[in-house]
């Protein structure tokens, strides 16, 4: 009888693991509020003593005009991700352009990559990446870090990804262990608790 109960328990746990997606991704049109949703989710998680690390992006404005984007880490570091290029004064030498923005690769890597580093002895935690986008993927080191984090046994990756993406991002979005949410104006507020619950379920299922 005890053996039967143990077998049934193990089967139930295996089914739960198969149904629970390890990594959580948000997608949606630019400006829809993905970063705001990320910050709200992380605030709720940290209120419940779940550790978040990583980075999010925010607009850089001067005199009311957007002049670029900064990367901000959860431990308080920040630096430039991209800046608008004056068409009359193009960037000299090699540049990494997305539209009218020049991606400042060294600045991005200096701030973002350390925020994603995992120490071997640390327990499972939430790794926040906002976003896995065209600007960030100019960095080969960042691309490799994302690959490593997705297969790391002690991480739950919580990331944003663009709707239209390159094959690398599309592959991530279609992984069996990824739960993908599409953010809209209609659902972005109600998604906060739903995403928090999905991340907690992942942490509880796969945490060590």
N, C-alpha and C. Protein backbone atom coordinates (compact mmCIF):
# COMPACT_ATOMS: atom_id res chain seq x y z
N UNK A 1 0.83 -1.21 0.00
CA UNK A 1 0.00 0.00 0.00
C UNK A 1 0.87 1.26 0.00
N UNK A 2 1.88 1.25 0.90
CA UNK A 2 2.78 2.40 0.96
C UNK A 2 3.53 2.59 -0.35
N UNK A 3 3.94 1.44 -0.95
CA UNK A 3 4.67 1.50 -2.22
C UNK A 3 3.78 2.10 -3.31
N UNK A 4 2.52 1.70 -3.33
CA UNK A 4 1.58 2.23 -4.33
C UNK A 4 1.40 3.73 -4.15
N UNK A 5 1.26 4.17 -2.88
CA UNK A 5 1.09 5.60 -2.60
C UNK A 5 2.31 6.38 -3.06
N UNK A 6 3.51 5.83 -2.80
CA UNK A 6 4.75 6.51 -3.20
C UNK A 6 4.83 6.64 -4.71
N UNK A 7 4.47 5.58 -5.42
CA UNK A 7 4.50 5.61 -6.88
C UNK A 7 3.53 6.65 -7.42
N UNK A 8 2.32 6.70 -6.84
CA UNK A 8 1.32 7.68 -7.27
C UNK A 8 1.79 9.10 -7.01
N UNK A 9 2.45 9.31 -5.87
CA UNK A 9 2.97 10.62 -5.52
C UNK A 9 4.04 11.06 -6.51
N UNK A 10 4.93 10.13 -6.85
CA UNK A 10 6.00 10.44 -7.81
C UNK A 10 5.42 10.75 -9.19
N UNK A 11 4.38 10.01 -9.57
CA UNK A 11 3.72 10.27 -10.85
C UNK A 11 3.08 11.65 -10.87
N UNK A 12 2.45 12.04 -9.76
CA UNK A 12 1.81 13.35 -9.67
C UNK A 12 2.84 14.46 -9.76
N UNK A 13 3.98 14.27 -9.09
CA UNK A 13 5.04 15.28 -9.13
C UNK A 13 5.61 15.41 -10.54
N UNK A 14 5.75 14.27 -11.23
CA UNK A 14 6.27 14.30 -12.61
C UNK A 14 5.31 15.03 -13.54
N UNK A 15 4.00 14.81 -13.34
CA UNK A 15 3.01 15.50 -14.17
C UNK A 15 3.06 16.99 -13.92
N UNK A 16 3.20 17.40 -12.65
CA UNK A 16 3.29 18.82 -12.32
C UNK A 16 4.49 19.46 -12.97
N UNK A 17 5.63 18.79 -12.94
CA UNK A 17 6.85 19.32 -13.56
C UNK A 17 6.67 19.49 -15.06
N UNK A 18 5.98 18.51 -15.68
CA UNK A 18 5.77 18.60 -17.13
C UNK A 18 4.84 19.75 -17.50
N UNK A 19 3.86 20.06 -16.62
CA UNK A 19 2.90 21.11 -16.91
C UNK A 19 3.43 22.50 -16.58
N UNK A 20 4.36 22.60 -15.65
CA UNK A 20 4.88 23.89 -15.21
C UNK A 20 6.01 24.35 -16.12
N UNK A 21 5.85 25.51 -16.72
CA UNK A 21 6.90 26.06 -17.57
C UNK A 21 7.94 26.74 -16.69
N UNK A 22 9.19 26.50 -16.99
CA UNK A 22 10.26 27.02 -16.14
C UNK A 22 10.48 28.52 -16.32
N UNK A 23 10.44 28.98 -17.55
CA UNK A 23 10.76 30.38 -17.85
C UNK A 23 9.52 31.14 -18.31
N UNK A 24 9.45 32.41 -17.96
CA UNK A 24 8.30 33.24 -18.24
C UNK A 24 8.73 34.40 -19.14
N UNK A 25 8.01 34.58 -20.26
CA UNK A 25 8.34 35.64 -21.21
C UNK A 25 7.12 36.52 -21.48
N UNK A 26 7.39 37.81 -21.65
CA UNK A 26 6.35 38.76 -22.05
C UNK A 26 6.66 39.30 -23.44
N UNK A 27 5.63 39.39 -24.27
CA UNK A 27 5.80 40.04 -25.56
C UNK A 27 4.66 41.03 -25.75
N UNK A 28 4.77 41.86 -26.75
CA UNK A 28 3.76 42.87 -27.01
C UNK A 28 4.35 44.01 -27.81
N UNK A 29 3.49 44.87 -28.31
CA UNK A 29 3.94 45.99 -29.13
C UNK A 29 4.78 46.97 -28.30
N UNK A 30 5.73 47.68 -28.94
CA UNK A 30 6.53 48.68 -28.22
C UNK A 30 5.62 49.72 -27.56
N UNK A 31 5.96 50.06 -26.32
CA UNK A 31 5.21 51.08 -25.60
C UNK A 31 3.94 50.58 -24.93
N UNK A 32 3.68 49.27 -24.97
CA UNK A 32 2.46 48.73 -24.41
C UNK A 32 2.52 48.61 -22.89
N UNK A 33 3.74 48.67 -22.31
CA UNK A 33 3.87 48.61 -20.86
C UNK A 33 4.55 47.37 -20.33
N UNK A 34 5.36 46.72 -21.15
CA UNK A 34 6.03 45.49 -20.69
C UNK A 34 6.99 45.77 -19.54
N UNK A 35 7.77 46.84 -19.64
CA UNK A 35 8.74 47.15 -18.58
C UNK A 35 8.02 47.50 -17.28
N UNK A 36 6.95 48.26 -17.37
CA UNK A 36 6.16 48.58 -16.18
C UNK A 36 5.63 47.31 -15.53
N UNK A 37 5.16 46.38 -16.35
CA UNK A 37 4.67 45.10 -15.84
C UNK A 37 5.79 44.32 -15.17
N UNK A 38 6.96 44.31 -15.79
CA UNK A 38 8.12 43.63 -15.20
C UNK A 38 8.42 44.17 -13.81
N UNK A 39 8.44 45.48 -13.67
CA UNK A 39 8.78 46.10 -12.38
C UNK A 39 7.71 45.79 -11.32
N UNK A 40 6.44 45.81 -11.72
CA UNK A 40 5.38 45.50 -10.77
C UNK A 40 5.46 44.05 -10.30
N UNK A 41 5.73 43.14 -11.24
CA UNK A 41 5.86 41.72 -10.89
C UNK A 41 7.03 41.52 -9.91
N UNK A 42 8.16 42.15 -10.19
CA UNK A 42 9.33 41.98 -9.33
C UNK A 42 9.12 42.59 -7.95
N UNK A 43 8.40 43.68 -7.88
CA UNK A 43 8.08 44.28 -6.58
C UNK A 43 7.27 43.31 -5.74
N UNK A 44 6.28 42.65 -6.34
CA UNK A 44 5.46 41.69 -5.62
C UNK A 44 6.28 40.48 -5.19
N UNK A 45 7.14 40.00 -6.07
CA UNK A 45 7.98 38.85 -5.72
C UNK A 45 8.91 39.17 -4.55
N UNK A 46 9.53 40.34 -4.61
CA UNK A 46 10.47 40.71 -3.55
C UNK A 46 9.75 40.98 -2.23
N UNK A 47 8.49 41.43 -2.31
CA UNK A 47 7.69 41.58 -1.09
C UNK A 47 7.46 40.24 -0.41
N UNK A 48 7.52 39.15 -1.20
CA UNK A 48 7.34 37.81 -0.66
C UNK A 48 8.69 37.09 -0.48
N UNK A 49 9.77 37.90 -0.52
CA UNK A 49 11.13 37.40 -0.24
C UNK A 49 11.70 36.50 -1.32
N UNK A 50 11.19 36.63 -2.56
CA UNK A 50 11.84 35.98 -3.70
C UNK A 50 12.86 36.95 -4.28
N UNK A 51 14.08 36.49 -4.52
CA UNK A 51 15.14 37.35 -5.02
C UNK A 51 15.07 37.51 -6.53
N UNK A 52 15.17 38.76 -6.99
CA UNK A 52 15.24 39.05 -8.42
C UNK A 52 16.58 39.71 -8.73
N UNK A 53 17.17 39.35 -9.84
CA UNK A 53 18.38 40.02 -10.29
C UNK A 53 18.30 40.16 -11.81
N UNK A 54 19.10 41.08 -12.35
CA UNK A 54 19.07 41.31 -13.78
C UNK A 54 18.88 42.78 -14.08
N UNK A 55 18.21 43.08 -15.18
CA UNK A 55 18.08 44.48 -15.58
C UNK A 55 16.78 44.74 -16.35
N UNK A 56 16.42 46.01 -16.39
CA UNK A 56 15.33 46.47 -17.26
C UNK A 56 15.81 47.71 -17.99
N UNK A 57 15.08 48.11 -19.03
CA UNK A 57 15.47 49.29 -19.79
C UNK A 57 14.45 50.40 -19.57
N UNK A 58 14.93 51.63 -19.64
CA UNK A 58 14.04 52.78 -19.52
C UNK A 58 14.49 53.88 -20.46
N UNK A 59 13.54 54.72 -20.81
CA UNK A 59 13.84 55.82 -21.73
C UNK A 59 14.75 56.84 -21.06
N UNK A 60 15.62 57.42 -21.87
CA UNK A 60 16.43 58.55 -21.46
C UNK A 60 15.87 59.78 -22.15
N UNK A 61 15.45 60.78 -21.36
CA UNK A 61 14.83 61.98 -21.93
C UNK A 61 15.60 63.24 -21.55
N UNK A 62 15.63 64.16 -22.48
CA UNK A 62 16.21 65.48 -22.24
C UNK A 62 15.29 66.52 -22.86
N UNK A 63 14.90 67.51 -22.03
CA UNK A 63 13.97 68.56 -22.49
C UNK A 63 12.69 67.97 -23.08
N UNK A 64 12.23 66.88 -22.45
CA UNK A 64 10.99 66.27 -22.88
C UNK A 64 11.09 65.38 -24.10
N UNK A 65 12.28 65.26 -24.66
CA UNK A 65 12.47 64.45 -25.86
C UNK A 65 13.24 63.17 -25.53
N UNK A 66 12.83 62.07 -26.14
CA UNK A 66 13.57 60.82 -25.94
C UNK A 66 14.86 60.86 -26.72
N UNK A 67 15.98 60.69 -26.02
CA UNK A 67 17.29 60.74 -26.67
C UNK A 67 17.99 59.38 -26.63
N UNK A 68 17.33 58.39 -26.03
CA UNK A 68 17.94 57.07 -25.99
C UNK A 68 17.32 56.19 -24.93
N UNK A 69 18.07 55.14 -24.58
CA UNK A 69 17.62 54.18 -23.58
C UNK A 69 18.77 53.87 -22.63
N UNK A 70 18.43 53.66 -21.37
CA UNK A 70 19.39 53.23 -20.36
C UNK A 70 19.04 51.83 -19.89
N UNK A 71 20.05 51.14 -19.40
CA UNK A 71 19.84 49.84 -18.76
C UNK A 71 20.02 50.05 -17.26
N UNK A 72 19.09 49.49 -16.47
CA UNK A 72 19.08 49.68 -15.01
C UNK A 72 19.02 48.31 -14.35
N UNK A 73 19.91 48.05 -13.40
CA UNK A 73 19.93 46.75 -12.73
C UNK A 73 19.16 46.81 -11.42
N UNK A 74 18.83 45.64 -10.91
CA UNK A 74 18.06 45.57 -9.67
C UNK A 74 18.91 45.84 -8.43
N UNK A 75 20.22 45.98 -8.60
CA UNK A 75 21.06 46.38 -7.48
C UNK A 75 21.50 47.84 -7.59
N UNK A 76 20.81 48.60 -8.46
CA UNK A 76 21.00 50.04 -8.47
C UNK A 76 22.00 50.60 -9.45
N UNK A 77 22.56 49.76 -10.33
CA UNK A 77 23.51 50.25 -11.33
C UNK A 77 22.76 50.70 -12.58
N UNK A 78 23.31 51.65 -13.30
CA UNK A 78 22.68 52.07 -14.55
C UNK A 78 23.74 52.58 -15.52
N UNK A 79 23.40 52.52 -16.80
CA UNK A 79 24.31 52.99 -17.84
C UNK A 79 23.58 53.08 -19.16
N UNK A 80 24.23 53.70 -20.12
CA UNK A 80 23.61 53.92 -21.43
C UNK A 80 23.51 52.62 -22.23
N UNK A 81 22.37 52.41 -22.85
CA UNK A 81 22.19 51.32 -23.81
C UNK A 81 22.28 51.84 -25.24
N UNK A 82 21.62 52.96 -25.51
CA UNK A 82 21.62 53.52 -26.86
C UNK A 82 21.32 55.01 -26.80
N UNK A 83 21.80 55.72 -27.80
CA UNK A 83 21.56 57.15 -27.90
C UNK A 83 21.23 57.52 -29.35
N UNK A 84 20.41 58.56 -29.48
CA UNK A 84 20.05 59.07 -30.80
C UNK A 84 21.29 59.62 -31.49
N UNK A 85 21.41 59.34 -32.79
CA UNK A 85 22.51 59.86 -33.59
C UNK A 85 22.03 61.03 -34.43
N UNK A 86 22.75 62.11 -34.38
CA UNK A 86 22.46 63.28 -35.21
C UNK A 86 22.79 62.92 -36.66
N UNK A 87 21.81 63.04 -37.54
CA UNK A 87 22.03 62.67 -38.94
C UNK A 87 23.13 63.51 -39.59
N UNK A 88 23.33 64.71 -39.07
CA UNK A 88 24.37 65.58 -39.63
C UNK A 88 25.75 65.26 -39.07
N UNK A 89 25.77 64.41 -37.99
CA UNK A 89 27.05 64.03 -37.38
C UNK A 89 27.04 62.52 -37.12
N UNK A 90 27.14 61.72 -38.15
CA UNK A 90 27.09 60.26 -37.98
C UNK A 90 28.25 59.74 -37.15
N UNK A 91 28.03 58.56 -36.57
CA UNK A 91 29.05 57.94 -35.73
C UNK A 91 30.23 57.52 -36.58
N UNK A 92 31.43 57.87 -36.11
CA UNK A 92 32.64 57.48 -36.84
C UNK A 92 32.99 56.03 -36.53
N UNK A 93 33.54 55.34 -37.51
CA UNK A 93 33.96 53.96 -37.31
C UNK A 93 32.78 53.00 -37.24
N UNK A 94 33.01 51.83 -36.68
CA UNK A 94 31.96 50.82 -36.63
C UNK A 94 30.89 51.23 -35.63
N UNK A 95 29.63 51.07 -36.01
CA UNK A 95 28.53 51.39 -35.11
C UNK A 95 27.48 50.29 -35.18
N UNK A 96 26.66 50.23 -34.16
CA UNK A 96 25.58 49.24 -34.07
C UNK A 96 24.28 50.03 -34.03
N UNK A 97 23.62 50.13 -35.17
CA UNK A 97 22.47 51.00 -35.31
C UNK A 97 21.15 50.22 -35.31
N UNK A 98 20.17 50.76 -34.59
CA UNK A 98 18.78 50.30 -34.66
C UNK A 98 17.94 51.55 -34.91
N UNK A 99 17.48 51.70 -36.14
CA UNK A 99 16.81 52.94 -36.49
C UNK A 99 17.76 54.12 -36.36
N UNK A 100 17.36 55.12 -35.61
CA UNK A 100 18.22 56.29 -35.41
C UNK A 100 19.05 56.20 -34.13
N UNK A 101 19.06 55.02 -33.50
CA UNK A 101 19.79 54.85 -32.24
C UNK A 101 21.09 54.08 -32.45
N UNK A 102 22.14 54.59 -31.84
CA UNK A 102 23.43 53.92 -31.81
C UNK A 102 23.54 53.14 -30.51
N UNK A 103 23.70 51.84 -30.62
CA UNK A 103 23.81 50.98 -29.43
C UNK A 103 25.23 51.09 -28.88
N UNK A 104 25.32 51.43 -27.60
CA UNK A 104 26.61 51.60 -26.93
C UNK A 104 26.96 50.27 -26.26
N UNK A 105 27.59 49.43 -27.05
CA UNK A 105 27.78 48.04 -26.67
C UNK A 105 28.60 47.87 -25.40
N UNK A 106 29.71 48.59 -25.30
CA UNK A 106 30.56 48.45 -24.11
C UNK A 106 29.85 48.89 -22.85
N UNK A 107 29.11 49.99 -22.94
CA UNK A 107 28.36 50.46 -21.78
C UNK A 107 27.31 49.44 -21.36
N UNK A 108 26.60 48.89 -22.34
CA UNK A 108 25.58 47.88 -22.04
C UNK A 108 26.20 46.66 -21.37
N UNK A 109 27.26 46.12 -21.95
CA UNK A 109 27.87 44.91 -21.40
C UNK A 109 28.43 45.15 -20.00
N UNK A 110 28.98 46.32 -19.76
CA UNK A 110 29.57 46.63 -18.46
C UNK A 110 28.52 46.58 -17.35
N UNK A 111 27.31 47.02 -17.64
CA UNK A 111 26.26 47.06 -16.63
C UNK A 111 25.43 45.78 -16.63
N UNK A 112 25.02 45.32 -17.80
CA UNK A 112 24.05 44.22 -17.89
C UNK A 112 24.65 42.86 -17.54
N UNK A 113 25.81 42.55 -18.09
CA UNK A 113 26.34 41.19 -17.94
C UNK A 113 26.61 40.81 -16.48
N UNK A 114 27.24 41.68 -15.67
CA UNK A 114 27.43 41.31 -14.26
C UNK A 114 26.11 41.08 -13.51
N UNK A 115 25.06 41.77 -13.93
CA UNK A 115 23.77 41.61 -13.24
C UNK A 115 23.15 40.24 -13.50
N UNK A 116 23.62 39.55 -14.52
CA UNK A 116 23.08 38.24 -14.87
C UNK A 116 23.94 37.08 -14.37
N UNK A 117 25.05 37.40 -13.72
CA UNK A 117 25.98 36.36 -13.27
C UNK A 117 25.40 35.57 -12.10
N UNK A 118 25.55 34.25 -12.16
CA UNK A 118 25.06 33.37 -11.11
C UNK A 118 26.24 32.70 -10.41
N UNK A 119 26.26 32.78 -9.09
CA UNK A 119 27.30 32.09 -8.33
C UNK A 119 26.88 30.63 -8.14
N UNK A 120 27.83 29.70 -8.27
CA UNK A 120 27.49 28.27 -8.22
C UNK A 120 26.73 27.85 -6.97
N UNK A 121 27.01 28.51 -5.84
CA UNK A 121 26.40 28.09 -4.58
C UNK A 121 25.02 28.69 -4.34
N UNK A 122 24.58 29.61 -5.19
CA UNK A 122 23.33 30.30 -4.91
C UNK A 122 22.11 29.43 -5.21
N UNK A 123 21.04 29.71 -4.45
CA UNK A 123 19.77 29.01 -4.65
C UNK A 123 19.06 29.56 -5.89
N UNK A 124 17.99 28.89 -6.26
CA UNK A 124 17.24 29.31 -7.44
C UNK A 124 16.70 30.72 -7.26
N UNK A 125 16.83 31.53 -8.29
CA UNK A 125 16.31 32.89 -8.23
C UNK A 125 15.77 33.30 -9.59
N UNK A 126 15.11 34.46 -9.59
CA UNK A 126 14.53 34.99 -10.82
C UNK A 126 15.56 35.85 -11.52
N UNK A 127 15.83 35.54 -12.79
CA UNK A 127 16.74 36.33 -13.61
C UNK A 127 15.90 37.16 -14.56
N UNK A 128 15.97 38.48 -14.40
CA UNK A 128 15.13 39.39 -15.18
C UNK A 128 15.94 39.97 -16.34
N UNK A 129 15.40 39.83 -17.54
CA UNK A 129 16.06 40.36 -18.74
C UNK A 129 15.04 41.15 -19.55
N UNK A 130 15.15 42.47 -19.47
CA UNK A 130 14.23 43.34 -20.20
C UNK A 130 15.04 44.27 -21.11
N UNK A 131 15.34 43.91 -22.34
CA UNK A 131 14.70 42.81 -23.01
C UNK A 131 15.74 41.99 -23.79
N UNK A 132 15.27 40.87 -24.37
CA UNK A 132 16.09 40.12 -25.31
C UNK A 132 15.73 40.64 -26.69
N UNK A 133 16.26 41.80 -27.03
CA UNK A 133 15.86 42.50 -28.24
C UNK A 133 17.01 42.75 -29.19
N UNK A 134 16.72 43.46 -30.25
CA UNK A 134 17.70 43.68 -31.31
C UNK A 134 18.92 44.44 -30.81
N UNK A 135 18.70 45.46 -29.97
CA UNK A 135 19.83 46.23 -29.46
C UNK A 135 20.75 45.35 -28.62
N UNK A 136 20.16 44.63 -27.68
CA UNK A 136 20.95 43.82 -26.76
C UNK A 136 21.69 42.69 -27.47
N UNK A 137 21.08 42.15 -28.52
CA UNK A 137 21.66 40.99 -29.19
C UNK A 137 22.82 41.32 -30.12
N UNK A 138 23.16 42.60 -30.23
CA UNK A 138 24.43 42.93 -30.90
C UNK A 138 25.60 42.36 -30.10
N UNK A 139 25.38 42.15 -28.81
CA UNK A 139 26.43 41.62 -27.94
C UNK A 139 26.46 40.10 -27.99
N UNK A 140 27.55 39.56 -28.49
CA UNK A 140 27.70 38.10 -28.52
C UNK A 140 27.77 37.52 -27.11
N UNK A 141 28.39 38.27 -26.20
CA UNK A 141 28.48 37.80 -24.82
C UNK A 141 27.10 37.72 -24.18
N UNK A 142 26.26 38.70 -24.46
CA UNK A 142 24.89 38.69 -23.94
C UNK A 142 24.12 37.51 -24.52
N UNK A 143 24.24 37.29 -25.82
CA UNK A 143 23.54 36.19 -26.47
C UNK A 143 23.93 34.86 -25.84
N UNK A 144 25.21 34.65 -25.60
CA UNK A 144 25.67 33.41 -24.99
C UNK A 144 25.17 33.29 -23.55
N UNK A 145 25.15 34.42 -22.84
CA UNK A 145 24.65 34.42 -21.46
C UNK A 145 23.19 33.99 -21.40
N UNK A 146 22.39 34.49 -22.33
CA UNK A 146 20.97 34.10 -22.38
C UNK A 146 20.86 32.59 -22.61
N UNK A 147 21.63 32.06 -23.53
CA UNK A 147 21.60 30.61 -23.79
C UNK A 147 21.95 29.84 -22.52
N UNK A 148 22.99 30.29 -21.83
CA UNK A 148 23.44 29.59 -20.62
C UNK A 148 22.39 29.66 -19.51
N UNK A 149 21.76 30.81 -19.35
CA UNK A 149 20.77 30.97 -18.29
C UNK A 149 19.54 30.10 -18.53
N UNK A 150 19.15 29.95 -19.78
CA UNK A 150 17.96 29.15 -20.08
C UNK A 150 18.16 27.67 -19.78
N UNK A 151 19.40 27.23 -19.74
CA UNK A 151 19.64 25.81 -19.42
C UNK A 151 20.27 25.62 -18.04
N UNK A 152 20.42 26.72 -17.29
CA UNK A 152 21.01 26.63 -15.96
C UNK A 152 20.01 25.99 -14.99
N UNK A 153 20.45 25.05 -14.14
CA UNK A 153 19.52 24.34 -13.25
C UNK A 153 18.98 25.17 -12.10
N UNK A 154 19.53 26.36 -11.87
CA UNK A 154 19.10 27.16 -10.72
C UNK A 154 18.56 28.53 -11.13
N UNK A 155 17.90 28.60 -12.26
CA UNK A 155 17.33 29.88 -12.68
C UNK A 155 15.92 29.71 -13.23
N UNK A 156 15.13 30.73 -12.97
CA UNK A 156 13.88 30.95 -13.68
C UNK A 156 14.05 32.28 -14.39
N UNK A 157 14.07 32.26 -15.71
CA UNK A 157 14.28 33.49 -16.49
C UNK A 157 12.93 34.17 -16.72
N UNK A 158 12.86 35.44 -16.37
CA UNK A 158 11.68 36.28 -16.60
C UNK A 158 12.13 37.39 -17.54
N UNK A 159 11.67 37.34 -18.79
CA UNK A 159 12.21 38.23 -19.81
C UNK A 159 11.12 38.82 -20.68
N UNK A 160 11.48 39.91 -21.37
CA UNK A 160 10.62 40.47 -22.41
C UNK A 160 11.27 40.22 -23.76
N UNK A 161 10.40 39.98 -24.75
CA UNK A 161 10.88 39.72 -26.11
C UNK A 161 9.98 40.47 -27.09
N UNK A 162 10.52 40.91 -28.22
CA UNK A 162 9.70 41.63 -29.20
C UNK A 162 8.74 40.71 -29.93
N UNK A 163 7.67 41.31 -30.46
CA UNK A 163 6.70 40.55 -31.25
C UNK A 163 7.36 40.02 -32.52
N UNK A 164 8.03 40.93 -33.24
CA UNK A 164 8.77 40.54 -34.45
C UNK A 164 10.23 40.39 -34.06
N UNK A 165 10.77 39.22 -34.28
CA UNK A 165 12.10 38.95 -33.76
C UNK A 165 12.91 38.11 -34.75
N UNK A 166 14.22 38.04 -34.47
CA UNK A 166 15.10 37.23 -35.30
C UNK A 166 14.95 35.75 -34.93
N UNK A 167 15.55 34.84 -35.68
CA UNK A 167 15.37 33.41 -35.41
C UNK A 167 15.78 32.98 -34.00
N UNK A 168 16.80 33.62 -33.43
CA UNK A 168 17.24 33.27 -32.07
C UNK A 168 16.12 33.51 -31.07
N UNK A 169 15.48 34.67 -31.15
CA UNK A 169 14.40 34.99 -30.22
C UNK A 169 13.17 34.13 -30.49
N UNK A 170 12.87 33.89 -31.75
CA UNK A 170 11.74 33.03 -32.08
C UNK A 170 11.94 31.62 -31.51
N UNK A 171 13.15 31.15 -31.55
CA UNK A 171 13.46 29.84 -30.98
C UNK A 171 13.19 29.83 -29.47
N UNK A 172 13.58 30.92 -28.81
CA UNK A 172 13.33 31.03 -27.37
C UNK A 172 11.83 31.02 -27.09
N UNK A 173 11.08 31.81 -27.85
CA UNK A 173 9.63 31.93 -27.64
C UNK A 173 8.92 30.59 -27.83
N UNK A 174 9.49 29.72 -28.66
CA UNK A 174 8.84 28.44 -28.97
C UNK A 174 9.38 27.27 -28.15
N UNK A 175 10.24 27.55 -27.18
CA UNK A 175 10.76 26.47 -26.32
C UNK A 175 9.62 25.84 -25.52
N UNK A 176 9.75 24.54 -25.26
CA UNK A 176 8.74 23.83 -24.47
C UNK A 176 8.69 24.30 -23.03
N UNK A 177 9.80 24.85 -22.53
CA UNK A 177 9.83 25.26 -21.12
C UNK A 177 9.57 26.75 -20.93
N UNK A 178 9.04 27.41 -21.95
CA UNK A 178 8.73 28.84 -21.88
C UNK A 178 7.23 29.07 -21.90
N UNK A 179 6.76 29.86 -20.94
CA UNK A 179 5.38 30.33 -20.93
C UNK A 179 5.38 31.76 -21.46
N UNK A 180 4.70 31.99 -22.58
CA UNK A 180 4.71 33.29 -23.25
C UNK A 180 3.38 34.00 -23.05
N UNK A 181 3.45 35.23 -22.54
CA UNK A 181 2.26 36.07 -22.37
C UNK A 181 2.34 37.25 -23.33
N UNK A 182 1.24 37.54 -24.01
CA UNK A 182 1.17 38.72 -24.86
C UNK A 182 0.49 39.85 -24.08
N UNK A 183 1.20 40.95 -23.90
CA UNK A 183 0.70 42.08 -23.11
C UNK A 183 -0.09 43.02 -24.01
N UNK A 184 -1.29 43.39 -23.56
CA UNK A 184 -2.12 44.35 -24.26
C UNK A 184 -2.61 45.40 -23.27
N UNK A 185 -3.19 46.47 -23.77
CA UNK A 185 -3.76 47.50 -22.88
C UNK A 185 -4.87 46.91 -22.02
N UNK A 186 -5.59 45.94 -22.58
CA UNK A 186 -6.72 45.37 -21.86
C UNK A 186 -6.30 44.43 -20.74
N UNK A 187 -5.18 43.73 -20.89
CA UNK A 187 -4.84 42.71 -19.89
C UNK A 187 -3.63 43.04 -19.03
N UNK A 188 -2.94 44.15 -19.29
CA UNK A 188 -1.65 44.38 -18.63
C UNK A 188 -1.75 44.52 -17.11
N UNK A 189 -2.88 44.99 -16.60
CA UNK A 189 -3.02 45.10 -15.15
C UNK A 189 -3.34 43.76 -14.51
N UNK A 190 -4.24 43.00 -15.12
CA UNK A 190 -4.61 41.71 -14.55
C UNK A 190 -3.49 40.68 -14.71
N UNK A 191 -2.56 40.92 -15.64
CA UNK A 191 -1.46 39.97 -15.83
C UNK A 191 -0.47 39.97 -14.68
N UNK A 192 -0.44 41.03 -13.89
CA UNK A 192 0.56 41.12 -12.82
C UNK A 192 0.48 39.90 -11.91
N UNK A 193 -0.68 39.66 -11.34
CA UNK A 193 -0.82 38.54 -10.41
C UNK A 193 -0.66 37.19 -11.10
N UNK A 194 -1.13 37.11 -12.35
CA UNK A 194 -1.02 35.85 -13.09
C UNK A 194 0.46 35.49 -13.35
N UNK A 195 1.24 36.49 -13.72
CA UNK A 195 2.67 36.26 -13.97
C UNK A 195 3.40 35.96 -12.67
N UNK A 196 3.07 36.68 -11.61
CA UNK A 196 3.67 36.40 -10.30
C UNK A 196 3.42 34.94 -9.92
N UNK A 197 2.19 34.48 -10.07
CA UNK A 197 1.87 33.09 -9.71
C UNK A 197 2.63 32.10 -10.57
N UNK A 198 2.79 32.41 -11.88
CA UNK A 198 3.51 31.50 -12.77
C UNK A 198 4.98 31.40 -12.37
N UNK A 199 5.58 32.53 -12.01
CA UNK A 199 6.98 32.53 -11.60
C UNK A 199 7.15 31.77 -10.29
N UNK A 200 6.27 32.01 -9.33
CA UNK A 200 6.36 31.31 -8.05
C UNK A 200 6.19 29.80 -8.23
N UNK A 201 5.28 29.41 -9.11
CA UNK A 201 5.09 27.98 -9.38
C UNK A 201 6.36 27.37 -9.97
N UNK A 202 7.01 28.12 -10.87
CA UNK A 202 8.27 27.64 -11.43
C UNK A 202 9.33 27.49 -10.35
N UNK A 203 9.45 28.49 -9.51
CA UNK A 203 10.45 28.46 -8.44
C UNK A 203 10.20 27.30 -7.48
N UNK A 204 8.95 27.07 -7.17
CA UNK A 204 8.61 26.00 -6.23
C UNK A 204 8.81 24.62 -6.84
N UNK A 205 8.58 24.51 -8.16
CA UNK A 205 8.75 23.21 -8.83
C UNK A 205 10.21 22.87 -9.08
N UNK A 206 10.96 23.89 -9.52
CA UNK A 206 12.33 23.62 -9.95
C UNK A 206 13.39 24.11 -8.97
N UNK A 207 12.94 24.79 -7.91
CA UNK A 207 13.91 25.36 -6.97
C UNK A 207 14.67 24.29 -6.20
N UNK A 208 15.91 24.69 -5.83
CA UNK A 208 16.74 23.79 -5.04
C UNK A 208 17.33 24.54 -3.88
